[in-house]
Amino acid sequence: MELAAGQVAVVTGGASGIGLALAERFARGGLNVVLADVDAPGLEAAEARLRALDVEVLVVPTDVSDEAAVQALAGAALGRFGAVHVLCNNAGVVSRADPWFGPLSAWTWVLGVNLWGVVHGIRAFLPVMAGQGAGYIVNTASMAGLLPGFGPSYDASKHAVVAISEDLYRMVQQLGLPIGVSVLCPGWVRTSIMDADRNWPGRLGEPPPAAFGSEVVAPLVSRAISEGTPPAVVADVVAEAIATDRFWVFPNPEWVEFAVRRWHGIAEGASPEMGVDVPGLPPAAELAAMVQQLLGGS
């Protein structure tokens, strides 16, 4: 789909990271932008940055895990602009809590934002795009949606986003709807996702403690993220994918070979490996030894 000045883009998780970069990329192309996030101060700062690009900006504080809030977001966007041409279901969080011995609230939070946020977004905006006869949906997954090993709740949510994106793509193709679909699967990107619990919802009680062993892995992941791809680069790749109607969006293609190796193992019936080697981190065996050493020293 051709991106053109005057179109309208809705971006969830738009107050920072990839979301803000997407919003800026669209604004530089002359698109008006609707920003959604739970981070009110971040939204305010993002709005100021976008208005400097001389486009119309609508800020809508939104908890994407809440269906009514996402429906209200769609209503606000239509009420202001009358149409929505691009939807980026981008909001995402990660929890450091222990997935098996920690509280279930961590699962509720991660799946609520990462999975249900995408479901709510599609259900709210797909009818709008079908009715207006044009549109494009970009769902932010992760390489964790193709290569588990980053944490059960996060991996589960991102695998689900990949799957429903493929199903959505097939459905619009079968029905002949003039709606494009892409799934974004980045590797390490310079965002603040490791500090996602700054937006922990009070309705879920106290934030859960970090899992045992996270003090070893978390600093390594944080360093890899800090050395990762700038969000603006990811936004450019997404814009190009929209323009060329490309489903798979890999800003970090060097990761794909690791996913392919896993798929070959599945085809051979091999059991999962003890860990996943990924760019930017020590080998999985080395990471496992570091955690084992911590366990042995406790």
Protein backbone atom coordinates (compact mmCIF):
# COMPACT_ATOMS: atom_id res chain seq x y z
CA MET A 1 0.00 0.00 0.00
CA GLU A 2 1.31 3.42 -0.90
CA LEU A 3 1.83 5.66 2.12
CA ALA A 4 0.65 9.16 1.31
CA ALA A 5 0.32 12.50 3.05
CA GLY A 6 -3.05 12.98 4.68
CA GLN A 7 -3.54 9.32 5.56
CA VAL A 8 -4.04 8.31 9.19
CA ALA A 9 -1.87 5.89 11.17
CA VAL A 10 -2.78 4.48 14.59
CA VAL A 11 0.15 3.23 16.68
CA THR A 12 -0.21 1.47 20.02
CA GLY A 13 2.73 1.51 22.38
CA GLY A 14 3.48 4.81 20.69
CA ALA A 15 5.06 6.69 23.58
CA SER A 16 8.53 5.19 23.15
CA GLY A 17 10.71 2.67 21.35
CA ILE A 18 9.55 1.13 18.09
CA GLY A 19 6.11 2.67 18.45
CA LEU A 20 7.39 6.22 18.66
CA ALA A 21 9.80 5.57 15.78
CA LEU A 22 6.92 4.28 13.65
CA ALA A 23 4.86 7.35 14.50
CA GLU A 24 7.74 9.65 13.56
CA ARG A 25 8.34 7.77 10.31
CA PHE A 26 4.69 8.14 9.34
CA ALA A 27 4.62 11.79 10.36
CA ARG A 28 7.69 12.55 8.25
CA GLY A 29 5.74 11.12 5.33
CA GLY A 30 2.89 13.52 6.01
CA LEU A 31 0.54 11.03 7.69
CA ASN A 32 -1.57 12.17 10.62
CA VAL A 33 -0.94 10.05 13.69
CA VAL A 34 -3.03 8.63 16.53
CA LEU A 35 -0.83 7.65 19.47
CA ALA A 36 -1.99 5.16 22.10
CA ASP A 37 -0.14 4.10 25.25
CA VAL A 38 -0.61 3.75 29.01
CA ASP A 39 2.41 5.98 29.66
CA ALA A 40 0.82 9.41 30.04
CA PRO A 41 4.05 11.42 30.45
CA GLY A 42 5.60 9.55 27.55
CA LEU A 43 2.57 10.30 25.38
CA GLU A 44 2.84 13.99 26.18
CA ALA A 45 6.50 14.09 25.16
CA ALA A 46 5.83 12.06 22.02
CA GLU A 47 2.99 14.36 21.02
CA ALA A 48 5.27 17.39 21.23
CA ARG A 49 7.88 15.68 19.02
CA LEU A 50 5.31 14.77 16.39
CA ARG A 51 3.61 18.15 16.29
CA ALA A 52 6.99 19.64 15.40
CA LEU A 53 6.73 17.64 12.16
CA ASP A 54 3.66 19.66 11.13
CA VAL A 55 1.07 16.89 11.12
CA GLU A 56 -2.11 16.41 13.12
CA VAL A 57 -1.67 14.30 16.21
CA LEU A 58 -4.30 12.70 18.43
CA VAL A 59 -3.22 11.23 21.75
CA VAL A 60 -5.46 8.60 23.33
CA PRO A 61 -4.33 7.01 26.61
CA THR A 62 -5.15 3.34 26.07
CA ASP A 63 -4.71 0.06 27.90
CA VAL A 64 -4.73 -2.33 24.94
CA SER A 65 -5.53 -5.29 27.19
CA ASP A 66 -8.97 -3.70 27.71
CA GLU A 67 -11.33 -4.32 24.78
CA ALA A 68 -13.50 -1.32 25.60
CA ALA A 69 -10.45 0.95 25.68
CA VAL A 70 -9.33 -0.20 22.22
CA GLN A 71 -12.84 0.22 20.83
CA ALA A 72 -12.79 3.74 22.30
CA LEU A 73 -9.44 4.32 20.58
CA ALA A 74 -11.00 3.38 17.24
CA GLY A 75 -13.94 5.64 17.92
CA ALA A 76 -11.68 8.55 18.81
CA ALA A 77 -9.57 8.07 15.66
CA LEU A 78 -12.63 7.96 13.43
CA GLY A 79 -14.26 10.86 15.22
CA ARG A 80 -11.21 13.03 14.62
CA PHE A 81 -10.10 11.90 11.15
CA GLY A 82 -12.96 9.89 9.64
CA ALA A 83 -10.69 7.05 8.48
CA VAL A 84 -7.75 4.88 9.55
CA HIS A 85 -5.34 3.69 6.88
CA VAL A 86 -2.56 2.06 8.93
CA LEU A 87 -2.79 0.24 12.25
CA CYS A 88 0.35 -0.79 14.12
CA ASN A 89 -0.51 -3.17 16.96
CA ASN A 90 2.82 -2.52 18.61
CA ALA A 91 2.32 -2.33 22.39
CA GLY A 92 4.40 -4.94 24.18
CA VAL A 93 5.81 -5.83 27.60
CA VAL A 94 8.04 -8.46 29.16
CA SER A 95 8.09 -9.75 32.73
CA ARG A 96 11.09 -10.92 34.72
CA ALA A 97 8.86 -12.86 37.12
CA ASP A 98 9.22 -16.60 37.56
CA PRO A 99 6.65 -18.09 35.15
CA TRP A 100 6.04 -21.29 37.11
CA PHE A 101 6.54 -20.38 40.76
CA GLY A 102 5.69 -16.71 40.64
CA PRO A 103 2.23 -15.12 40.62
CA LEU A 104 -0.13 -15.66 37.71
CA SER A 105 -0.51 -11.89 37.44
CA ALA A 106 2.68 -11.74 35.35
CA TRP A 107 1.09 -14.01 32.74
CA THR A 108 -2.11 -11.97 32.84
CA TRP A 109 -0.17 -8.78 32.18
CA VAL A 110 2.06 -10.08 29.38
CA LEU A 111 -0.69 -11.93 27.51
CA GLY A 112 -3.10 -9.06 28.07
CA VAL A 113 -0.83 -6.54 26.36
CA ASN A 114 1.11 -8.64 23.85
CA LEU A 115 -1.65 -10.97 22.66
CA TRP A 116 -5.04 -9.55 23.61
CA GLY A 117 -3.86 -6.08 22.61
CA VAL A 118 -3.33 -7.36 19.07
CA VAL A 119 -6.64 -9.23 19.06
CA HIS A 120 -8.52 -6.16 20.30
CA GLY A 121 -6.76 -3.96 17.75
CA ILE A 122 -7.65 -6.20 14.82
CA ARG A 123 -11.26 -6.57 15.93
CA ALA A 124 -11.66 -2.81 16.41
CA PHE A 125 -10.04 -1.61 13.19
CA LEU A 126 -10.50 -4.42 10.64
CA PRO A 127 -14.21 -3.61 10.12
CA VAL A 128 -13.28 0.06 9.64
CA MET A 129 -10.72 -0.77 6.96
CA ALA A 130 -13.05 -3.25 5.24
CA GLY A 131 -15.78 -0.64 5.17
CA GLN A 132 -13.59 2.07 3.70
CA GLY A 133 -12.07 -0.30 1.17
CA ALA A 134 -8.41 0.11 2.13
CA GLY A 135 -6.01 -0.34 5.01
CA TYR A 136 -2.89 -2.00 6.36
CA ILE A 137 -2.28 -3.81 9.66
CA VAL A 138 1.17 -4.37 11.13
CA ASN A 139 1.39 -6.65 14.18
CA THR A 140 4.57 -6.45 16.24
CA ALA A 141 5.73 -9.93 17.22
CA SER A 142 9.43 -10.74 17.76
CA MET A 143 12.01 -13.28 16.78
CA ALA A 144 10.76 -14.84 20.02
CA GLY A 145 7.66 -15.65 17.98
CA LEU A 146 9.77 -18.01 15.88
CA LEU A 147 12.48 -19.02 18.32
CA PRO A 148 11.49 -19.71 21.95
CA GLY A 149 13.95 -19.26 24.77
CA PHE A 150 13.31 -15.70 25.96
CA GLY A 151 10.74 -16.50 28.65
CA PRO A 152 7.55 -18.60 28.55
CA SER A 153 4.95 -15.83 28.75
CA TYR A 154 6.75 -13.59 26.26
CA ASP A 155 7.46 -16.47 23.85
CA ALA A 156 3.86 -17.69 24.06
CA SER A 157 2.46 -14.25 23.34
CA LYS A 158 4.75 -13.62 20.38
CA HIS A 159 4.21 -17.07 18.85
CA ALA A 160 0.49 -16.37 19.07
CA VAL A 161 0.90 -13.00 17.34
CA VAL A 162 2.77 -14.65 14.47
CA ALA A 163 0.05 -17.31 14.14
CA ILE A 164 -2.93 -14.95 14.17
CA SER A 165 -1.13 -12.63 11.74
CA GLU A 166 -0.74 -15.50 9.28
CA ASP A 167 -4.40 -16.42 9.75
CA LEU A 168 -5.45 -12.80 9.24
CA TYR A 169 -3.36 -12.56 6.09
CA ARG A 170 -4.94 -15.70 4.65
CA MET A 171 -8.44 -14.51 5.52
CA VAL A 172 -8.15 -11.12 3.83
CA GLN A 173 -6.62 -12.81 0.78
CA GLN A 174 -9.39 -15.40 0.58
CA LEU A 175 -12.10 -12.77 0.90
CA GLY A 176 -10.38 -10.41 -1.51
CA LEU A 177 -10.30 -7.58 1.02
CA PRO A 178 -8.01 -4.68 0.03
CA ILE A 179 -6.18 -4.85 3.36
CA GLY A 180 -2.49 -5.57 3.80
CA VAL A 181 -1.03 -7.49 6.72
CA SER A 182 2.54 -7.69 8.00
CA VAL A 183 4.12 -9.25 11.06
CA LEU A 184 7.18 -7.54 12.50
CA CYS A 185 9.77 -9.90 14.02
CA PRO A 186 12.74 -7.86 15.29
CA GLY A 187 15.73 -9.07 17.23
CA TRP A 188 17.50 -6.73 19.64
CA VAL A 189 16.22 -3.17 19.31
CA ARG A 190 17.24 -0.21 21.47
CA THR A 191 14.08 0.15 23.54
CA SER A 192 13.19 0.28 27.23
CA ILE A 193 11.26 -3.00 27.17
CA MET A 194 13.40 -4.46 29.97
CA ASP A 195 11.94 -1.74 32.17
CA ALA A 196 8.39 -2.48 31.06
CA ASP A 197 7.22 -3.02 34.64
CA ARG A 198 7.39 0.75 35.09
CA ASN A 199 3.89 0.54 33.60
CA TRP A 200 2.74 -2.38 35.74
CA PRO A 201 -1.04 -2.03 36.23
CA GLY A 202 -2.08 -1.46 39.81
CA ARG A 203 -5.24 -3.53 39.27
CA LEU A 204 -3.01 -6.65 39.25
CA GLY A 205 -1.57 -5.95 42.70
CA GLU A 206 2.08 -5.55 43.53
CA PRO A 207 4.66 -6.14 40.78
CA PRO A 208 6.06 -9.67 41.17
CA PRO A 209 9.71 -10.16 42.14
CA ALA A 210 12.26 -11.12 39.51
CA ALA A 211 12.88 -14.82 38.99
CA PHE A 212 15.93 -16.42 40.54
CA GLY A 213 18.81 -16.29 38.09
CA SER A 214 17.56 -13.19 36.31
CA GLU A 215 20.40 -11.23 37.88
CA VAL A 216 22.72 -13.20 35.60
CA VAL A 217 20.74 -13.05 32.36
CA ALA A 218 19.00 -9.67 32.59
CA PRO A 219 22.19 -7.54 32.46
CA LEU A 220 23.38 -9.47 29.40
CA VAL A 221 20.05 -8.97 27.64
CA SER A 222 19.99 -5.29 28.60
CA ARG A 223 23.45 -4.84 27.10
CA ALA A 224 22.41 -6.63 23.90
CA ILE A 225 19.37 -4.37 23.65
CA SER A 226 21.45 -1.25 24.23
CA GLU A 227 23.72 -2.31 21.34
CA GLY A 228 20.80 -3.31 19.14
CA THR A 229 19.15 -1.79 16.10
CA PRO A 230 17.94 1.81 16.45
CA PRO A 231 14.12 1.97 16.42
CA ALA A 232 14.22 4.42 13.50
CA VAL A 233 15.86 1.74 11.35
CA VAL A 234 13.10 -0.70 12.25
CA ALA A 235 10.49 1.93 11.35
CA ASP A 236 12.05 2.40 7.92
CA VAL A 237 11.94 -1.35 7.30
CA VAL A 238 8.28 -1.45 8.32
CA ALA A 239 7.40 1.45 6.03
CA GLU A 240 9.12 -0.33 3.15
CA ALA A 241 7.21 -3.54 3.95
CA ILE A 242 3.91 -1.64 3.84
CA ALA A 243 4.85 -0.04 0.53
CA THR A 244 5.70 -3.41 -1.00
CA ASP A 245 2.97 -5.42 0.77
CA ARG A 246 5.48 -7.79 2.38
CA PHE A 247 4.15 -10.06 5.13
CA TRP A 248 7.36 -11.05 6.94
CA VAL A 249 9.32 -8.11 8.32
CA PHE A 250 12.81 -9.02 9.60
CA PRO A 251 14.84 -5.94 10.59
CA ASN A 252 17.53 -8.33 11.86
CA PRO A 253 17.83 -11.00 9.13
CA GLU A 254 20.89 -12.51 10.80
CA TRP A 255 18.51 -14.03 13.36
CA VAL A 256 16.59 -16.05 10.78
CA GLU A 257 19.27 -18.74 10.48
CA PHE A 258 18.83 -19.54 14.18
CA ALA A 259 15.10 -20.03 13.66
CA VAL A 260 15.79 -22.17 10.58
CA ARG A 261 18.09 -24.39 12.62
CA ARG A 262 15.28 -24.91 15.11
CA TRP A 263 12.82 -25.76 12.30
CA HIS A 264 15.24 -28.34 10.92
CA GLY A 265 15.41 -29.89 14.37
CA ILE A 266 11.63 -30.07 14.50
CA ALA A 267 11.53 -31.73 11.07
CA GLU A 268 14.02 -34.33 12.33
CA GLY A 269 11.98 -34.95 15.47
CA ALA A 270 14.81 -33.76 17.71
CA SER A 271 14.09 -32.73 21.28
CA PRO A 272 14.52 -29.04 22.08
CA GLU A 273 18.08 -27.96 22.75
CA MET A 274 19.01 -26.93 26.27
CA GLY A 275 19.23 -23.33 25.19
CA VAL A 276 19.02 -21.04 22.22
CA ASP A 277 22.09 -19.40 20.71
CA VAL A 278 21.21 -15.90 19.55
CA PRO A 279 23.25 -12.94 18.33
CA GLY A 280 24.47 -10.60 21.05
CA LEU A 281 24.46 -13.10 23.93
CA PRO A 282 26.99 -15.67 25.13
CA PRO A 283 26.38 -19.21 23.84
CA ALA A 284 23.38 -20.86 25.50
CA ALA A 285 25.56 -23.49 27.16
CA GLU A 286 27.66 -20.76 28.73
CA LEU A 287 24.57 -18.96 30.01
CA ALA A 288 23.25 -22.21 31.48
CA ALA A 289 26.58 -22.79 33.24
CA MET A 290 26.46 -19.30 34.73
CA VAL A 291 22.99 -19.93 36.16
CA GLN A 292 24.03 -23.35 37.43
CA GLN A 293 26.99 -21.78 39.16
CA LEU A 294 24.65 -19.32 40.83
CA LEU A 295 22.42 -22.19 41.95
CA GLY A 296 25.36 -24.11 43.30
CA GLY A 297 26.58 -21.11 45.24
CA SER A 298 23.24 -20.46 46.94
